[in-house]
Amino acid sequence: MTLIINNQELDKNKILSLLKQNRKLLAIKYVKEQTHIGLKNCKDIIDHLERNPTYFDGKNVQIDIVSKSKSLRKSKNDTLFLKGSSHKIQVAVLAILFLSLAIWAYFYFS
């Protein structure tokens, strides 16, 4: 079975399987990643399917896509600095910068 949202086909069986496993958040995330629509709309879709698994059958649902400028959260690939690096590297760089600043302040103000 497929679910069509904004002309994007989603695996409806996967969504229903996640709902049966009480993994509603993963189902919402799956819809969001596949359709690029707002989180509220994704939640509404999952809520409808949770109440009635045949709700969207035979319909091509059209929902406005969230523009990147209105998005409050950055994607996983957008980072403050060191784009594409892991979180541990960013923490290490910040620790080194902080330590350098502390050493400089110690010698400057002594």
C-alpha atoms as a PDB file:
ATOM      1  CA  MET A   1       0.000   0.000   0.000  1.00  0.00           C
ATOM      2  CA  THR A   2       1.141   3.501  -0.715  1.00  0.00           C
ATOM      3  CA  LEU A   3       0.145   6.852   0.638  1.00  0.00           C
ATOM      4  CA  ILE A   4       0.514   9.819  -1.719  1.00  0.00           C
ATOM      5  CA  ILE A   5       1.256  13.228  -0.221  1.00  0.00           C
ATOM      6  CA  ASN A   6       2.225  16.091  -2.539  1.00  0.00           C
ATOM      7  CA  ASN A   7       2.764  13.533  -5.306  1.00  0.00           C
ATOM      8  CA  GLN A   8       5.319  11.696  -3.123  1.00  0.00           C
ATOM      9  CA  GLU A   9       4.647   8.011  -2.536  1.00  0.00           C
ATOM     10  CA  LEU A  10       5.114   6.795   1.030  1.00  0.00           C
ATOM     11  CA  ASP A  11       5.057   3.223   2.255  1.00  0.00           C
ATOM     12  CA  LYS A  12       1.777   3.116   4.149  1.00  0.00           C
ATOM     13  CA  ASN A  13       2.564  -0.348   5.520  1.00  0.00           C
ATOM     14  CA  LYS A  14       5.718   1.051   7.121  1.00  0.00           C
ATOM     15  CA  ILE A  15       3.735   3.840   8.780  1.00  0.00           C
ATOM     16  CA  LEU A  16       1.047   1.477  10.050  1.00  0.00           C
ATOM     17  CA  SER A  17       3.705  -0.946  11.279  1.00  0.00           C
ATOM     18  CA  LEU A  18       5.406   1.841  13.243  1.00  0.00           C
ATOM     19  CA  LEU A  19       2.054   2.811  14.752  1.00  0.00           C
ATOM     20  CA  LYS A  20       1.366  -0.798  15.795  1.00  0.00           C
ATOM     21  CA  GLN A  21       4.778  -0.824  17.505  1.00  0.00           C
ATOM     22  CA  ASN A  22       3.867   2.399  19.397  1.00  0.00           C
ATOM     23  CA  ARG A  23       6.587   4.270  17.498  1.00  0.00           C
ATOM     24  CA  LYS A  24       4.464   7.255  16.544  1.00  0.00           C
ATOM     25  CA  LEU A  25       7.381   9.706  16.565  1.00  0.00           C
ATOM     26  CA  LEU A  26       9.299   7.606  14.044  1.00  0.00           C
ATOM     27  CA  ALA A  27       6.207   7.511  11.827  1.00  0.00           C
ATOM     28  CA  ILE A  28       5.930  11.308  11.998  1.00  0.00           C
ATOM     29  CA  LYS A  29       9.654  11.640  11.235  1.00  0.00           C
ATOM     30  CA  TYR A  30       9.315   9.291   8.247  1.00  0.00           C
ATOM     31  CA  VAL A  31       6.456  11.364   6.779  1.00  0.00           C
ATOM     32  CA  LYS A  32       8.371  14.608   7.386  1.00  0.00           C
ATOM     33  CA  GLU A  33      11.562  13.348   5.744  1.00  0.00           C
ATOM     34  CA  GLN A  34       9.729  12.029   2.696  1.00  0.00           C
ATOM     35  CA  THR A  35       7.375  14.971   2.105  1.00  0.00           C
ATOM     36  CA  HIS A  36       9.185  18.029   3.552  1.00  0.00           C
ATOM     37  CA  ILE A  37       5.941  19.346   5.037  1.00  0.00           C
ATOM     38  CA  GLY A  38       5.530  20.949   8.448  1.00  0.00           C
ATOM     39  CA  LEU A  39       5.707  18.943  11.647  1.00  0.00           C
ATOM     40  CA  LYS A  40       2.104  19.779  12.617  1.00  0.00           C
ATOM     41  CA  ASN A  41       0.817  18.518   9.271  1.00  0.00           C
ATOM     42  CA  CYS A  42       2.854  15.326   9.630  1.00  0.00           C
ATOM     43  CA  LYS A  43       1.441  14.760  13.103  1.00  0.00           C
ATOM     44  CA  ASP A  44      -2.100  15.342  11.813  1.00  0.00           C
ATOM     45  CA  ILE A  45      -1.574  12.778   9.043  1.00  0.00           C
ATOM     46  CA  ILE A  46      -0.301  10.197  11.521  1.00  0.00           C
ATOM     47  CA  ASP A  47      -3.153  10.945  13.937  1.00  0.00           C
ATOM     48  CA  HIS A  48      -5.682  10.379  11.121  1.00  0.00           C
ATOM     49  CA  LEU A  49      -4.025   7.104  10.151  1.00  0.00           C
ATOM     50  CA  GLU A  50      -3.873   6.006  13.774  1.00  0.00           C
ATOM     51  CA  ARG A  51      -7.635   6.508  14.173  1.00  0.00           C
ATOM     52  CA  ASN A  52      -8.565   5.148  10.735  1.00  0.00           C
ATOM     53  CA  PRO A  53      -5.913   3.272   8.695  1.00  0.00           C
ATOM     54  CA  THR A  54      -7.967   3.708   5.482  1.00  0.00           C
ATOM     55  CA  TYR A  55      -8.339   7.486   5.890  1.00  0.00           C
ATOM     56  CA  PHE A  56      -6.145   8.552   2.960  1.00  0.00           C
ATOM     57  CA  ASP A  57      -6.911   5.653   0.608  1.00  0.00           C
ATOM     58  CA  GLY A  58      -7.296   6.792  -2.986  1.00  0.00           C
ATOM     59  CA  LYS A  59      -6.442  10.429  -2.231  1.00  0.00           C
ATOM     60  CA  ASN A  60      -3.464  12.506  -3.292  1.00  0.00           C
ATOM     61  CA  VAL A  61      -3.137  14.807  -0.307  1.00  0.00           C
ATOM     62  CA  GLN A  62      -1.717  18.256  -1.107  1.00  0.00           C
ATOM     63  CA  ILE A  63      -0.046  20.099   1.786  1.00  0.00           C
ATOM     64  CA  ASP A  64       2.088  23.232   1.664  1.00  0.00           C
ATOM     65  CA  ILE A  65       5.793  22.548   1.913  1.00  0.00           C
ATOM     66  CA  VAL A  66       7.620  24.334   4.729  1.00  0.00           C
ATOM     67  CA  SER A  67      10.128  26.786   3.323  1.00  0.00           C
ATOM     68  CA  LYS A  68      13.645  26.669   4.707  1.00  0.00           C
ATOM     69  CA  SER A  69      13.445  30.314   5.762  1.00  0.00           C
ATOM     70  CA  LYS A  70      10.509  29.552   8.075  1.00  0.00           C
ATOM     71  CA  SER A  71      12.082  26.464   9.561  1.00  0.00           C
ATOM     72  CA  LEU A  72      13.136  26.923  13.174  1.00  0.00           C
ATOM     73  CA  ARG A  73      15.435  23.916  13.307  1.00  0.00           C
ATOM     74  CA  LYS A  74      18.464  23.363  11.182  1.00  0.00           C
ATOM     75  CA  SER A  75      18.902  20.135   9.341  1.00  0.00           C
ATOM     76  CA  LYS A  76      21.341  17.550  10.639  1.00  0.00           C
ATOM     77  CA  ASN A  77      23.968  18.732   8.142  1.00  0.00           C
ATOM     78  CA  ASP A  78      23.772  22.398   9.177  1.00  0.00           C
ATOM     79  CA  THR A  79      26.191  23.149  11.985  1.00  0.00           C
ATOM     80  CA  LEU A  80      27.494  26.279  13.583  1.00  0.00           C
ATOM     81  CA  PHE A  81      30.997  25.607  12.330  1.00  0.00           C
ATOM     82  CA  LEU A  82      33.070  22.717  11.046  1.00  0.00           C
ATOM     83  CA  LYS A  83      30.312  21.681   8.670  1.00  0.00           C
ATOM     84  CA  GLY A  84      29.975  17.929   8.418  1.00  0.00           C
ATOM     85  CA  SER A  85      32.051  17.219  11.513  1.00  0.00           C
ATOM     86  CA  SER A  86      30.915  15.249  14.491  1.00  0.00           C
ATOM     87  CA  HIS A  87      29.683  16.726  17.741  1.00  0.00           C
ATOM     88  CA  LYS A  88      32.760  15.445  19.625  1.00  0.00           C
ATOM     89  CA  ILE A  89      35.100  17.407  17.372  1.00  0.00           C
ATOM     90  CA  GLN A  90      33.075  20.576  17.880  1.00  0.00           C
ATOM     91  CA  VAL A  91      33.190  20.130  21.665  1.00  0.00           C
ATOM     92  CA  ALA A  92      36.956  19.552  21.533  1.00  0.00           C
ATOM     93  CA  VAL A  93      37.517  22.698  19.458  1.00  0.00           C
ATOM     94  CA  LEU A  94      35.396  24.750  21.845  1.00  0.00           C
ATOM     95  CA  ALA A  95      37.308  23.322  24.831  1.00  0.00           C
ATOM     96  CA  ILE A  96      40.643  24.255  23.242  1.00  0.00           C
ATOM     97  CA  LEU A  97      39.422  27.774  22.484  1.00  0.00           C
ATOM     98  CA  PHE A  98      38.132  28.205  26.026  1.00  0.00           C
ATOM     99  CA  LEU A  99      41.383  26.912  27.520  1.00  0.00           C
ATOM    100  CA  SER A 100      43.414  29.239  25.285  1.00  0.00           C
ATOM    101  CA  LEU A 101      41.296  32.181  26.382  1.00  0.00           C
ATOM    102  CA  ALA A 102      41.725  31.250  30.040  1.00  0.00           C
ATOM    103  CA  ILE A 103      45.527  30.993  29.686  1.00  0.00           C
ATOM    104  CA  TRP A 104      45.675  34.311  27.830  1.00  0.00           C
ATOM    105  CA  ALA A 105      43.530  36.001  30.510  1.00  0.00           C
ATOM    106  CA  TYR A 106      45.721  34.548  33.299  1.00  0.00           C
ATOM    107  CA  PHE A 107      48.923  35.958  31.832  1.00  0.00           C
ATOM    108  CA  TYR A 108      47.369  39.220  30.668  1.00  0.00           C
ATOM    109  CA  PHE A 109      45.850  40.107  34.029  1.00  0.00           C
ATOM    110  CA  SER A 110      48.716  38.817  36.242  1.00  0.00           C
END
